[in-house]
C-alpha atoms as a PDB file:
ATOM      1  CA  MET A   1      24.115   9.659   8.968  1.00  0.00           C
ATOM      2  CA  GLY A   2      23.720   6.852   6.446  1.00  0.00           C
ATOM      3  CA  SER A   3      26.245   4.124   5.785  1.00  0.00           C
ATOM      4  CA  ALA A   4      29.412   4.803   3.827  1.00  0.00           C
ATOM      5  CA  LEU A   5      29.252   4.162   0.093  1.00  0.00           C
ATOM      6  CA  SER A   6      30.554   0.675  -0.697  1.00  0.00           C
ATOM      7  CA  GLN A   7      32.466  -0.159  -3.882  1.00  0.00           C
ATOM      8  CA  ALA A   8      32.683  -3.884  -3.188  1.00  0.00           C
ATOM      9  CA  GLN A   9      30.095  -4.856  -5.810  1.00  0.00           C
ATOM     10  CA  THR A  10      31.009  -2.411  -8.593  1.00  0.00           C
ATOM     11  CA  GLU A  11      30.336  -3.872 -12.037  1.00  0.00           C
ATOM     12  CA  ASN A  12      32.216  -2.910 -15.184  1.00  0.00           C
ATOM     13  CA  LEU A  13      29.742  -1.279 -17.564  1.00  0.00           C
ATOM     14  CA  ASP A  14      32.216  -0.526 -20.361  1.00  0.00           C
ATOM     15  CA  THR A  15      30.504  -2.938 -22.791  1.00  0.00           C
ATOM     16  CA  LEU A  16      27.034  -1.455 -22.201  1.00  0.00           C
ATOM     17  CA  VAL A  17      28.376   2.095 -22.524  1.00  0.00           C
ATOM     18  CA  ALA A  18      30.367   1.259 -25.661  1.00  0.00           C
ATOM     19  CA  LYS A  19      27.305  -0.289 -27.311  1.00  0.00           C
ATOM     20  CA  HIS A  20      25.245   2.813 -26.572  1.00  0.00           C
ATOM     21  CA  LEU A  21      28.044   5.041 -27.885  1.00  0.00           C
ATOM     22  CA  ALA A  22      28.136   3.031 -31.111  1.00  0.00           C
ATOM     23  CA  GLU A  23      24.412   3.760 -31.490  1.00  0.00           C
ATOM     24  CA  ASN A  24      25.155   7.470 -31.078  1.00  0.00           C
ATOM     25  CA  PRO A  25      28.287   8.096 -33.168  1.00  0.00           C
ATOM     26  CA  ALA A  26      28.026  11.900 -32.923  1.00  0.00           C
ATOM     27  CA  LEU A  27      29.281  11.643 -29.332  1.00  0.00           C
ATOM     28  CA  PRO A  28      33.051  11.551 -28.742  1.00  0.00           C
ATOM     29  CA  SER A  29      32.659   9.634 -25.471  1.00  0.00           C
ATOM     30  CA  LEU A  30      30.273   8.506 -22.740  1.00  0.00           C
ATOM     31  CA  ALA A  31      30.723   7.815 -19.046  1.00  0.00           C
ATOM     32  CA  ALA A  32      28.228   6.380 -16.560  1.00  0.00           C
ATOM     33  CA  VAL A  33      27.917   5.604 -12.856  1.00  0.00           C
ATOM     34  CA  VAL A  34      25.095   3.819 -10.976  1.00  0.00           C
ATOM     35  CA  ILE A  35      24.411   3.726  -7.232  1.00  0.00           C
ATOM     36  CA  VAL A  36      22.000   1.141  -5.792  1.00  0.00           C
ATOM     37  CA  ASP A  37      21.330   0.365  -2.130  1.00  0.00           C
ATOM     38  CA  GLY A  38      24.278   2.383  -0.892  1.00  0.00           C
ATOM     39  CA  GLU A  39      26.752   0.771  -3.269  1.00  0.00           C
ATOM     40  CA  LEU A  40      28.594   2.083  -6.301  1.00  0.00           C
ATOM     41  CA  ARG A  41      27.001  -0.728  -8.282  1.00  0.00           C
ATOM     42  CA  GLY A  42      28.272   0.020 -11.785  1.00  0.00           C
ATOM     43  CA  GLN A  43      30.599   2.278 -13.758  1.00  0.00           C
ATOM     44  CA  GLY A  44      31.787   2.410 -17.327  1.00  0.00           C
ATOM     45  CA  VAL A  45      33.254   4.562 -20.100  1.00  0.00           C
ATOM     46  CA  ALA A  46      33.827   4.435 -23.834  1.00  0.00           C
ATOM     47  CA  GLY A  47      35.131   6.755 -26.536  1.00  0.00           C
ATOM     48  CA  VAL A  48      37.874   9.321 -26.902  1.00  0.00           C
ATOM     49  CA  ARG A  49      38.986  12.465 -25.137  1.00  0.00           C
ATOM     50  CA  LYS A  50      39.034  14.417 -28.397  1.00  0.00           C
ATOM     51  CA  ARG A  51      37.371  13.643 -31.693  1.00  0.00           C
ATOM     52  CA  GLY A  52      40.033  12.672 -34.225  1.00  0.00           C
ATOM     53  CA  SER A  53      42.417  11.394 -31.554  1.00  0.00           C
ATOM     54  CA  GLU A  54      42.979   7.878 -30.302  1.00  0.00           C
ATOM     55  CA  GLU A  55      43.340   8.840 -26.621  1.00  0.00           C
ATOM     56  CA  LYS A  56      40.665   6.781 -24.857  1.00  0.00           C
ATOM     57  CA  VAL A  57      38.671   8.108 -21.938  1.00  0.00           C
ATOM     58  CA  THR A  58      39.068   6.368 -18.581  1.00  0.00           C
ATOM     59  CA  ILE A  59      36.751   6.094 -15.599  1.00  0.00           C
ATOM     60  CA  ALA A  60      39.054   8.553 -13.787  1.00  0.00           C
ATOM     61  CA  ASP A  61      38.580  11.228 -16.457  1.00  0.00           C
ATOM     62  CA  GLN A  62      36.843  14.431 -15.448  1.00  0.00           C
ATOM     63  CA  TYR A  63      33.658  15.674 -17.106  1.00  0.00           C
ATOM     64  CA  HIS A  64      32.171  19.149 -16.839  1.00  0.00           C
ATOM     65  CA  ILE A  65      28.849  18.971 -14.985  1.00  0.00           C
ATOM     66  CA  GLY A  66      27.332  22.207 -16.339  1.00  0.00           C
ATOM     67  CA  SER A  67      24.188  23.334 -14.534  1.00  0.00           C
ATOM     68  CA  CYS A  68      24.331  20.344 -12.200  1.00  0.00           C
ATOM     69  CA  THR A  69      26.646  22.815 -10.413  1.00  0.00           C
ATOM     70  CA  LYS A  70      23.492  24.609  -9.251  1.00  0.00           C
ATOM     71  CA  ALA A  71      22.752  21.909  -6.666  1.00  0.00           C
ATOM     72  CA  PHE A  72      26.270  22.394  -5.267  1.00  0.00           C
ATOM     73  CA  THR A  73      25.707  26.139  -4.945  1.00  0.00           C
ATOM     74  CA  ALA A  74      22.347  25.595  -3.245  1.00  0.00           C
ATOM     75  CA  THR A  75      23.870  23.037  -0.871  1.00  0.00           C
ATOM     76  CA  LEU A  76      26.641  25.497  -0.045  1.00  0.00           C
ATOM     77  CA  ALA A  77      23.956  28.054   0.770  1.00  0.00           C
ATOM     78  CA  ALA A  78      22.307  25.559   3.129  1.00  0.00           C
ATOM     79  CA  ARG A  79      25.659  25.064   4.847  1.00  0.00           C
ATOM     80  CA  LEU A  80      26.117  28.811   5.350  1.00  0.00           C
ATOM     81  CA  VAL A  81      22.545  29.082   6.638  1.00  0.00           C
ATOM     82  CA  GLU A  82      23.311  26.326   9.150  1.00  0.00           C
ATOM     83  CA  GLU A  83      26.433  28.245  10.165  1.00  0.00           C
ATOM     84  CA  GLY A  84      24.396  31.406  10.702  1.00  0.00           C
ATOM     85  CA  LEU A  85      26.194  33.491   8.065  1.00  0.00           C
ATOM     86  CA  LEU A  86      22.999  33.899   6.035  1.00  0.00           C
ATOM     87  CA  THR A  87      19.312  33.025   6.230  1.00  0.00           C
ATOM     88  CA  TRP A  88      17.089  31.809   3.425  1.00  0.00           C
ATOM     89  CA  GLU A  89      15.305  35.164   3.708  1.00  0.00           C
ATOM     90  CA  THR A  90      18.444  37.336   3.465  1.00  0.00           C
ATOM     91  CA  THR A  91      17.729  39.833   0.670  1.00  0.00           C
ATOM     92  CA  ILE A  92      19.787  41.412  -2.047  1.00  0.00           C
ATOM     93  CA  GLY A  93      19.064  44.759  -0.420  1.00  0.00           C
ATOM     94  CA  GLU A  94      20.596  43.558   2.844  1.00  0.00           C
ATOM     95  CA  SER A  95      23.566  41.756   1.307  1.00  0.00           C
ATOM     96  CA  LEU A  96      24.534  43.851  -1.721  1.00  0.00           C
ATOM     97  CA  SER A  97      23.302  47.346  -0.859  1.00  0.00           C
ATOM     98  CA  ASP A  98      26.691  48.942  -1.586  1.00  0.00           C
ATOM     99  CA  TRP A  99      26.169  48.163  -5.274  1.00  0.00           C
ATOM    100  CA  LYS A 100      22.923  50.155  -5.455  1.00  0.00           C
ATOM    101  CA  PRO A 101      20.618  47.495  -6.921  1.00  0.00           C
ATOM    102  CA  ASP A 102      17.419  48.474  -8.684  1.00  0.00           C
ATOM    103  CA  PRO A 103      14.879  48.996  -5.867  1.00  0.00           C
ATOM    104  CA  LYS A 104      12.552  46.472  -7.545  1.00  0.00           C
ATOM    105  CA  ILE A 105      15.087  43.688  -6.989  1.00  0.00           C
ATOM    106  CA  GLU A 106      16.169  44.559  -3.438  1.00  0.00           C
ATOM    107  CA  PRO A 107      13.512  42.274  -1.821  1.00  0.00           C
ATOM    108  CA  ALA A 108      14.792  39.181  -3.702  1.00  0.00           C
ATOM    109  CA  THR A 109      15.833  36.568  -1.148  1.00  0.00           C
ATOM    110  CA  LEU A 110      18.595  33.980  -1.226  1.00  0.00           C
ATOM    111  CA  HIS A 111      15.910  31.277  -1.440  1.00  0.00           C
ATOM    112  CA  GLN A 112      14.240  32.962  -4.413  1.00  0.00           C
ATOM    113  CA  LEU A 113      17.526  33.316  -6.283  1.00  0.00           C
ATOM    114  CA  LEU A 114      18.170  29.587  -5.829  1.00  0.00           C
ATOM    115  CA  THR A 115      14.686  28.592  -7.009  1.00  0.00           C
ATOM    116  CA  ASN A 116      14.701  30.728 -10.178  1.00  0.00           C
ATOM    117  CA  THR A 117      12.018  33.025  -8.763  1.00  0.00           C
ATOM    118  CA  GLY A 118      14.320  35.898  -7.826  1.00  0.00           C
ATOM    119  CA  GLY A 119      13.423  38.236 -10.659  1.00  0.00           C
ATOM    120  CA  PHE A 120      16.360  37.822 -13.035  1.00  0.00           C
ATOM    121  CA  PRO A 121      16.081  36.893 -16.719  1.00  0.00           C
ATOM    122  CA  LYS A 122      17.117  33.706 -18.455  1.00  0.00           C
ATOM    123  CA  ASP A 123      19.110  35.649 -21.037  1.00  0.00           C
ATOM    124  CA  VAL A 124      21.761  38.165 -20.029  1.00  0.00           C
ATOM    125  CA  PRO A 125      21.655  41.421 -22.027  1.00  0.00           C
ATOM    126  CA  GLY A 126      24.184  41.310 -24.868  1.00  0.00           C
ATOM    127  CA  PRO A 127      26.566  44.050 -23.666  1.00  0.00           C
ATOM    128  CA  ILE A 128      26.744  42.576 -20.146  1.00  0.00           C
ATOM    129  CA  TRP A 129      27.310  39.065 -21.500  1.00  0.00           C
ATOM    130  CA  ARG A 130      30.084  40.218 -23.822  1.00  0.00           C
ATOM    131  CA  ALA A 131      31.725  42.058 -20.928  1.00  0.00           C
ATOM    132  CA  ALA A 132      31.594  38.864 -18.855  1.00  0.00           C
ATOM    133  CA  TRP A 133      33.468  36.952 -21.566  1.00  0.00           C
ATOM    134  CA  GLN A 134      36.078  39.709 -21.843  1.00  0.00           C
ATOM    135  CA  ALA A 135      36.480  40.281 -18.096  1.00  0.00           C
ATOM    136  CA  GLU A 136      39.875  40.087 -16.428  1.00  0.00           C
ATOM    137  CA  GLY A 137      40.957  39.597 -12.838  1.00  0.00           C
ATOM    138  CA  ASP A 138      40.246  36.787 -10.412  1.00  0.00           C
ATOM    139  CA  PRO A 139      36.846  35.054 -10.568  1.00  0.00           C
ATOM    140  CA  ARG A 140      35.407  36.934  -7.597  1.00  0.00           C
ATOM    141  CA  THR A 141      36.322  40.272  -9.168  1.00  0.00           C
ATOM    142  CA  GLN A 142      34.686  39.216 -12.423  1.00  0.00           C
ATOM    143  CA  ARG A 143      31.516  38.208 -10.600  1.00  0.00           C
ATOM    144  CA  ILE A 144      31.329  41.545  -8.809  1.00  0.00           C
ATOM    145  CA  ALA A 145      31.453  43.427 -12.124  1.00  0.00           C
ATOM    146  CA  PHE A 146      28.748  41.144 -13.533  1.00  0.00           C
ATOM    147  CA  ALA A 147      26.566  41.580 -10.454  1.00  0.00           C
ATOM    148  CA  GLN A 148      26.848  45.348 -10.489  1.00  0.00           C
ATOM    149  CA  ALA A 149      25.506  45.345 -14.034  1.00  0.00           C
ATOM    150  CA  MET A 150      22.759  42.720 -13.573  1.00  0.00           C
ATOM    151  CA  LEU A 151      21.459  44.246 -10.339  1.00  0.00           C
ATOM    152  CA  LYS A 152      20.225  47.093 -12.512  1.00  0.00           C
ATOM    153  CA  ASN A 153      18.514  44.732 -14.986  1.00  0.00           C
ATOM    154  CA  PRO A 154      15.778  42.743 -13.201  1.00  0.00           C
ATOM    155  CA  ALA A 155      13.147  41.055 -15.363  1.00  0.00           C
ATOM    156  CA  PHE A 156      10.212  40.799 -12.929  1.00  0.00           C
ATOM    157  CA  ALA A 157       9.261  41.338  -9.300  1.00  0.00           C
ATOM    158  CA  PRO A 158      10.827  38.684  -7.043  1.00  0.00           C
ATOM    159  CA  GLY A 159       8.551  35.749  -6.273  1.00  0.00           C
ATOM    160  CA  LYS A 160       6.023  36.534  -8.995  1.00  0.00           C
ATOM    161  CA  ARG A 161       7.038  33.894 -11.512  1.00  0.00           C
ATOM    162  CA  TYR A 162       9.582  31.235 -12.450  1.00  0.00           C
ATOM    163  CA  GLU A 163      12.339  31.923 -14.981  1.00  0.00           C
ATOM    164  CA  TYR A 164      15.380  29.661 -15.207  1.00  0.00           C
ATOM    165  CA  SER A 165      18.304  31.992 -14.590  1.00  0.00           C
ATOM    166  CA  ASN A 166      22.051  31.523 -14.340  1.00  0.00           C
ATOM    167  CA  THR A 167      22.173  35.094 -13.080  1.00  0.00           C
ATOM    168  CA  GLY A 168      20.132  34.239  -9.996  1.00  0.00           C
ATOM    169  CA  PHE A 169      22.569  31.514  -8.993  1.00  0.00           C
ATOM    170  CA  ALA A 170      25.547  33.770  -9.749  1.00  0.00           C
ATOM    171  CA  LEU A 171      24.137  36.436  -7.446  1.00  0.00           C
ATOM    172  CA  ALA A 172      23.393  33.873  -4.748  1.00  0.00           C
ATOM    173  CA  GLY A 173      27.038  32.828  -4.994  1.00  0.00           C
ATOM    174  CA  ILE A 174      28.108  36.453  -4.611  1.00  0.00           C
ATOM    175  CA  MET A 175      25.926  36.833  -1.515  1.00  0.00           C
ATOM    176  CA  MET A 176      27.751  33.842  -0.040  1.00  0.00           C
ATOM    177  CA  GLU A 177      31.131  35.321  -0.969  1.00  0.00           C
ATOM    178  CA  GLU A 178      30.232  38.566   0.768  1.00  0.00           C
ATOM    179  CA  ALA A 179      28.955  36.776   3.884  1.00  0.00           C
ATOM    180  CA  ALA A 180      31.979  34.466   4.234  1.00  0.00           C
ATOM    181  CA  ASP A 181      34.649  36.711   2.683  1.00  0.00           C
ATOM    182  CA  GLN A 182      35.861  33.821   0.572  1.00  0.00           C
ATOM    183  CA  SER A 183      35.432  33.042  -3.098  1.00  0.00           C
ATOM    184  CA  TRP A 184      32.686  30.668  -4.184  1.00  0.00           C
ATOM    185  CA  GLU A 185      35.371  28.282  -5.418  1.00  0.00           C
ATOM    186  CA  GLU A 186      37.137  28.285  -2.028  1.00  0.00           C
ATOM    187  CA  LEU A 187      33.863  27.713  -0.206  1.00  0.00           C
ATOM    188  CA  VAL A 188      32.790  24.780  -2.393  1.00  0.00           C
ATOM    189  CA  GLU A 189      36.231  23.198  -2.064  1.00  0.00           C
ATOM    190  CA  GLU A 190      36.314  23.628   1.720  1.00  0.00           C
ATOM    191  CA  LYS A 191      32.735  22.754   2.600  1.00  0.00           C
ATOM    192  CA  ILE A 192      31.755  20.149  -0.020  1.00  0.00           C
ATOM    193  CA  PHE A 193      34.627  18.662  -2.043  1.00  0.00           C
ATOM    194  CA  ARG A 194      36.992  18.001   0.864  1.00  0.00           C
ATOM    195  CA  PRO A 195      34.433  16.611   3.342  1.00  0.00           C
ATOM    196  CA  LEU A 196      33.113  14.237   0.664  1.00  0.00           C
ATOM    197  CA  LYS A 197      36.641  13.338  -0.506  1.00  0.00           C
ATOM    198  CA  MET A 198      35.854  14.397  -4.074  1.00  0.00           C
ATOM    199  CA  LYS A 199      39.527  14.495  -5.023  1.00  0.00           C
ATOM    200  CA  SER A 200      39.045  14.908  -8.771  1.00  0.00           C
ATOM    201  CA  ALA A 201      36.511  17.744  -8.447  1.00  0.00           C
ATOM    202  CA  GLY A 202      37.524  21.190  -9.605  1.00  0.00           C
ATOM    203  CA  PHE A 203      36.373  24.209 -11.528  1.00  0.00           C
ATOM    204  CA  TYR A 204      35.987  25.191 -15.186  1.00  0.00           C
ATOM    205  CA  ALA A 205      36.983  22.975 -18.123  1.00  0.00           C
ATOM    206  CA  PRO A 206      38.794  19.812 -17.005  1.00  0.00           C
ATOM    207  CA  ALA A 207      41.629  19.907 -19.558  1.00  0.00           C
ATOM    208  CA  GLU A 208      44.412  22.405 -18.845  1.00  0.00           C
ATOM    209  CA  ASP A 209      47.163  21.850 -21.404  1.00  0.00           C
ATOM    210  CA  PRO A 210      46.300  22.474 -25.084  1.00  0.00           C
ATOM    211  CA  GLU A 211      49.416  20.538 -26.095  1.00  0.00           C
ATOM    212  CA  THR A 212      48.322  17.298 -24.438  1.00  0.00           C
ATOM    213  CA  LEU A 213      45.174  15.248 -23.997  1.00  0.00           C
ATOM    214  CA  ASP A 214      45.401  14.955 -20.221  1.00  0.00           C
ATOM    215  CA  GLN A 215      41.588  15.170 -19.852  1.00  0.00           C
ATOM    216  CA  PRO A 216      38.551  15.162 -22.171  1.00  0.00           C
ATOM    217  CA  TRP A 217      38.119  18.217 -24.351  1.00  0.00           C
ATOM    218  CA  GLY A 218      34.684  19.690 -24.813  1.00  0.00           C
ATOM    219  CA  HIS A 219      33.068  19.689 -28.257  1.00  0.00           C
ATOM    220  CA  ARG A 220      30.609  22.112 -29.784  1.00  0.00           C
ATOM    221  CA  ASN A 221      27.349  20.720 -31.066  1.00  0.00           C
ATOM    222  CA  ASP A 222      28.804  20.507 -34.584  1.00  0.00           C
ATOM    223  CA  GLY A 223      31.524  18.202 -33.263  1.00  0.00           C
ATOM    224  CA  THR A 224      34.356  20.761 -33.217  1.00  0.00           C
ATOM    225  CA  PRO A 225      36.807  20.111 -30.349  1.00  0.00           C
ATOM    226  CA  VAL A 226      37.437  23.088 -28.053  1.00  0.00           C
ATOM    227  CA  PRO A 227      41.030  23.344 -26.752  1.00  0.00           C
ATOM    228  CA  PRO A 228      41.776  24.342 -23.154  1.00  0.00           C
ATOM    229  CA  GLY A 229      41.978  28.080 -22.542  1.00  0.00           C
ATOM    230  CA  PRO A 230      39.708  31.029 -23.274  1.00  0.00           C
ATOM    231  CA  GLY A 231      36.305  29.953 -24.544  1.00  0.00           C
ATOM    232  CA  SER A 232      36.529  26.421 -23.156  1.00  0.00           C
ATOM    233  CA  ASP A 233      33.996  27.098 -20.404  1.00  0.00           C
ATOM    234  CA  ASN A 234      31.419  29.532 -19.070  1.00  0.00           C
ATOM    235  CA  PRO A 235      32.800  32.889 -17.890  1.00  0.00           C
ATOM    236  CA  ALA A 236      33.710  33.070 -14.206  1.00  0.00           C
ATOM    237  CA  ALA A 237      30.872  35.575 -13.746  1.00  0.00           C
ATOM    238  CA  ILE A 238      28.316  32.746 -13.716  1.00  0.00           C
ATOM    239  CA  ALA A 239      30.473  29.989 -12.219  1.00  0.00           C
ATOM    240  CA  PRO A 240      28.017  29.300  -9.344  1.00  0.00           C
ATOM    241  CA  ALA A 241      25.476  28.376 -12.029  1.00  0.00           C
ATOM    242  CA  GLY A 242      27.717  25.984 -13.948  1.00  0.00           C
ATOM    243  CA  ALA A 243      31.500  25.586 -13.668  1.00  0.00           C
ATOM    244  CA  ILE A 244      32.357  22.341 -11.822  1.00  0.00           C
ATOM    245  CA  HIS A 245      34.091  19.295 -13.285  1.00  0.00           C
ATOM    246  CA  CYS A 246      34.545  15.881 -11.699  1.00  0.00           C
ATOM    247  CA  ALA A 247      35.260  12.225 -12.419  1.00  0.00           C
ATOM    248  CA  LEU A 248      31.947  10.408 -12.238  1.00  0.00           C
ATOM    249  CA  PRO A 249      32.905   7.952  -9.461  1.00  0.00           C
ATOM    250  CA  ASP A 250      33.832  10.949  -7.288  1.00  0.00           C
ATOM    251  CA  LEU A 251      30.282  12.252  -7.717  1.00  0.00           C
ATOM    252  CA  ALA A 252      28.967   9.120  -5.987  1.00  0.00           C
ATOM    253  CA  PRO A 253      29.215  10.385  -2.372  1.00  0.00           C
ATOM    254  CA  TRP A 254      27.545  13.639  -3.445  1.00  0.00           C
ATOM    255  CA  LEU A 255      24.719  11.740  -5.131  1.00  0.00           C
ATOM    256  CA  GLN A 256      24.300   9.413  -2.165  1.00  0.00           C
ATOM    257  CA  MET A 257      24.143  12.378   0.226  1.00  0.00           C
ATOM    258  CA  HIS A 258      21.200  13.862  -1.681  1.00  0.00           C
ATOM    259  CA  LEU A 259      19.626  10.475  -2.375  1.00  0.00           C
ATOM    260  CA  HIS A 260      19.404   9.709   1.349  1.00  0.00           C
ATOM    261  CA  ALA A 261      19.142  13.304   2.637  1.00  0.00           C
ATOM    262  CA  GLU A 262      22.196  12.191   4.559  1.00  0.00           C
ATOM    263  CA  THR A 263      23.452  14.438   7.343  1.00  0.00           C
ATOM    264  CA  GLY A 264      27.151  14.347   8.102  1.00  0.00           C
ATOM    265  CA  PRO A 265      30.216  16.289   7.043  1.00  0.00           C
ATOM    266  CA  VAL A 266      28.404  18.758   4.748  1.00  0.00           C
ATOM    267  CA  LEU A 267      24.960  19.387   6.256  1.00  0.00           C
ATOM    268  CA  GLN A 268      23.958  18.697   9.843  1.00  0.00           C
ATOM    269  CA  ASP A 269      20.215  19.299   9.711  1.00  0.00           C
ATOM    270  CA  ALA A 270      17.743  17.048   7.868  1.00  0.00           C
ATOM    271  CA  GLU A 271      15.525  20.100   7.395  1.00  0.00           C
ATOM    272  CA  SER A 272      18.206  21.542   5.109  1.00  0.00           C
ATOM    273  CA  PHE A 273      17.629  18.709   2.642  1.00  0.00           C
ATOM    274  CA  GLU A 274      13.881  19.145   2.864  1.00  0.00           C
ATOM    275  CA  LYS A 275      14.336  22.792   1.924  1.00  0.00           C
ATOM    276  CA  LEU A 276      16.711  21.941  -0.920  1.00  0.00           C
ATOM    277  CA  HIS A 277      14.395  19.276  -2.356  1.00  0.00           C
ATOM    278  CA  THR A 278      11.052  21.097  -2.089  1.00  0.00           C
ATOM    279  CA  PRO A 279       9.901  22.683  -5.375  1.00  0.00           C
ATOM    280  CA  VAL A 280       8.548  26.232  -5.463  1.00  0.00           C
ATOM    281  CA  MET A 281       7.322  26.798  -9.015  1.00  0.00           C
ATOM    282  CA  GLU A 282       7.464  24.701 -12.203  1.00  0.00           C
ATOM    283  CA  ASP A 283       8.700  21.634 -10.259  1.00  0.00           C
ATOM    284  CA  TYR A 284      11.990  23.419  -9.511  1.00  0.00           C
ATOM    285  CA  ALA A 285      13.506  23.156  -6.045  1.00  0.00           C
ATOM    286  CA  MET A 286      17.076  24.360  -5.430  1.00  0.00           C
ATOM    287  CA  GLY A 287      19.282  22.934  -8.146  1.00  0.00           C
ATOM    288  CA  TRP A 288      16.919  19.976  -8.597  1.00  0.00           C
ATOM    289  CA  VAL A 289      13.865  19.390 -10.754  1.00  0.00           C
ATOM    290  CA  VAL A 290      11.444  17.351  -8.626  1.00  0.00           C
ATOM    291  CA  LEU A 291       9.256  14.968 -10.624  1.00  0.00           C
ATOM    292  CA  SER A 292       7.137  11.859 -10.146  1.00  0.00           C
ATOM    293  CA  ARG A 293       8.125   8.773 -12.137  1.00  0.00           C
ATOM    294  CA  PRO A 294       6.640   5.257 -11.913  1.00  0.00           C
ATOM    295  CA  TRP A 295      10.061   3.621 -12.261  1.00  0.00           C
ATOM    296  CA  ALA A 296      11.248   5.721  -9.285  1.00  0.00           C
ATOM    297  CA  GLY A 297       8.356   4.622  -7.107  1.00  0.00           C
ATOM    298  CA  GLY A 298       7.233   8.235  -6.908  1.00  0.00           C
ATOM    299  CA  LYS A 299       9.540  11.182  -6.285  1.00  0.00           C
ATOM    300  CA  ALA A 300      12.601  11.639  -8.497  1.00  0.00           C
ATOM    301  CA  LEU A 301      15.256  14.354  -8.488  1.00  0.00           C
ATOM    302  CA  HIS A 302      16.686  15.314 -11.853  1.00  0.00           C
ATOM    303  CA  HIS A 303      18.954  17.842 -13.523  1.00  0.00           C
ATOM    304  CA  MET A 304      20.711  18.264 -16.851  1.00  0.00           C
ATOM    305  CA  GLY A 305      23.869  20.312 -17.171  1.00  0.00           C
ATOM    306  CA  SER A 306      25.761  21.639 -20.162  1.00  0.00           C
ATOM    307  CA  ASN A 307      28.292  24.381 -20.794  1.00  0.00           C
ATOM    308  CA  MET A 308      27.523  23.895 -24.508  1.00  0.00           C
ATOM    309  CA  MET A 309      30.621  21.644 -24.797  1.00  0.00           C
ATOM    310  CA  PHE A 310      29.854  18.873 -22.277  1.00  0.00           C
ATOM    311  CA  THR A 311      26.561  17.336 -21.149  1.00  0.00           C
ATOM    312  CA  MET A 312      25.581  15.600 -17.917  1.00  0.00           C
ATOM    313  CA  VAL A 313      22.274  14.004 -16.908  1.00  0.00           C
ATOM    314  CA  ILE A 314      21.486  13.008 -13.301  1.00  0.00           C
ATOM    315  CA  TRP A 315      18.486  11.077 -11.940  1.00  0.00           C
ATOM    316  CA  LEU A 316      17.907  10.127  -8.297  1.00  0.00           C
ATOM    317  CA  ALA A 317      15.093   7.874  -7.058  1.00  0.00           C
ATOM    318  CA  PRO A 318      15.027   8.001  -3.232  1.00  0.00           C
ATOM    319  CA  GLU A 319      12.230   5.403  -2.897  1.00  0.00           C
ATOM    320  CA  LYS A 320      14.281   2.904  -4.911  1.00  0.00           C
ATOM    321  CA  ASP A 321      17.646   3.901  -3.394  1.00  0.00           C
ATOM    322  CA  PHE A 322      18.891   4.408  -6.951  1.00  0.00           C
ATOM    323  CA  ALA A 323      20.972   7.106  -8.615  1.00  0.00           C
ATOM    324  CA  ALA A 324      22.526   7.316 -12.065  1.00  0.00           C
ATOM    325  CA  VAL A 325      24.639   9.875 -13.857  1.00  0.00           C
ATOM    326  CA  VAL A 326      25.755   9.887 -17.485  1.00  0.00           C
ATOM    327  CA  ALA A 327      28.073  12.391 -19.165  1.00  0.00           C
ATOM    328  CA  THR A 328      29.557  13.130 -22.570  1.00  0.00           C
ATOM    329  CA  ASN A 329      32.008  15.688 -23.911  1.00  0.00           C
ATOM    330  CA  ILE A 330      29.743  17.414 -26.452  1.00  0.00           C
ATOM    331  CA  GLY A 331      27.026  20.058 -26.094  1.00  0.00           C
ATOM    332  CA  HIS A 332      23.510  19.190 -24.958  1.00  0.00           C
ATOM    333  CA  GLU A 333      21.785  19.706 -28.324  1.00  0.00           C
ATOM    334  CA  VAL A 334      23.607  16.554 -29.413  1.00  0.00           C
ATOM    335  CA  GLY A 335      24.374  14.981 -26.050  1.00  0.00           C
ATOM    336  CA  PHE A 336      21.212  15.159 -23.970  1.00  0.00           C
ATOM    337  CA  LEU A 337      19.019  12.525 -25.626  1.00  0.00           C
ATOM    338  CA  PRO A 338      21.777   9.884 -25.832  1.00  0.00           C
ATOM    339  CA  CYS A 339      22.745  10.533 -22.191  1.00  0.00           C
ATOM    340  CA  ASP A 340      19.131  10.300 -21.059  1.00  0.00           C
ATOM    341  CA  GLY A 341      18.695   7.195 -23.190  1.00  0.00           C
ATOM    342  CA  LEU A 342      21.599   5.494 -21.433  1.00  0.00           C
ATOM    343  CA  ILE A 343      20.026   6.431 -18.094  1.00  0.00           C
ATOM    344  CA  GLY A 344      16.940   4.576 -19.325  1.00  0.00           C
ATOM    345  CA  LYS A 345      19.007   1.462 -20.049  1.00  0.00           C
ATOM    346  CA  LEU A 346      20.563   1.652 -16.586  1.00  0.00           C
ATOM    347  CA  ILE A 347      17.103   1.900 -15.047  1.00  0.00           C
ATOM    348  CA  GLN A 348      16.006  -1.182 -16.993  1.00  0.00           C
ATOM    349  CA  THR A 349      19.140  -3.034 -15.875  1.00  0.00           C
ATOM    350  CA  TYR A 350      19.092  -2.171 -12.178  1.00  0.00           C
ATOM    351  CA  LEU A 351      15.381  -1.548 -11.550  1.00  0.00           C
ATOM    352  CA  PRO A 352      13.736  -4.342 -13.552  1.00  0.00           C
END
């Protein structure tokens, strides 16, 4: 196991972040964290929790991580594989046979679902998607109803092509729920958040009280603030694809674990990280896009996440022992380029 993450040298990046926010006035706020050489080297925030308010964001504020959740779900799968509850080759037919899936999709494996090669479409059919938004009951119950519908709507034969799919990750999460007899949320909390001491991490939109500004509110791409409550996040049906929130400093041990392929309280086997970080098609591994970048000295791991009301961008450069994450509380059509641009400034600052 690698060394514990040090915060002794953490620099205040508020001025850099505020300058970048001023250059991108469509964003309500920005937050950033940088890890270099096993240290939380820099962190900073600027802006407001809700457009039109004066409540400033703080470094302890929680941001929704969107599809960066996918790497958490894949890591949870690796943990359950290590525990012997599943294998990477466990199929839908073996795990979810009681729900009578379309025979064409029965051979889809856990590994294929987590690499977007499992046979499910990018877009959920309209009636099923509307039902997911209107669903009632606890999250696991909502996911079961969604799965029963989508298991009859495959898009292609498993393993034949790549198609980015929230549904695939949702179904992988359901396979884990069935194997462990716990909800996906309970499993992530028990096996990832607690061991890594991610105390601010939770699920769905970070703000809870529509009468207060206790946490950042999400904003639609047109700048409209979205109050806590219905419509403030993805439906629970696809939570394993994108429903985690966290303060950025609390993401640091998670980032360091993947940066160093660090065995310890979450994963015990270095081969688990190799599996998680090895792309299958279209440069996609399991919750990570694997690319080559000169500034990274070669291999880089990347993902963008957005629930259409928050945006997060993550880059990891294992050869440089560098990781950076930037987030904002507005949808990715507005938020992605400014977030990625701030990552570029952090790279220039810490990897000259």
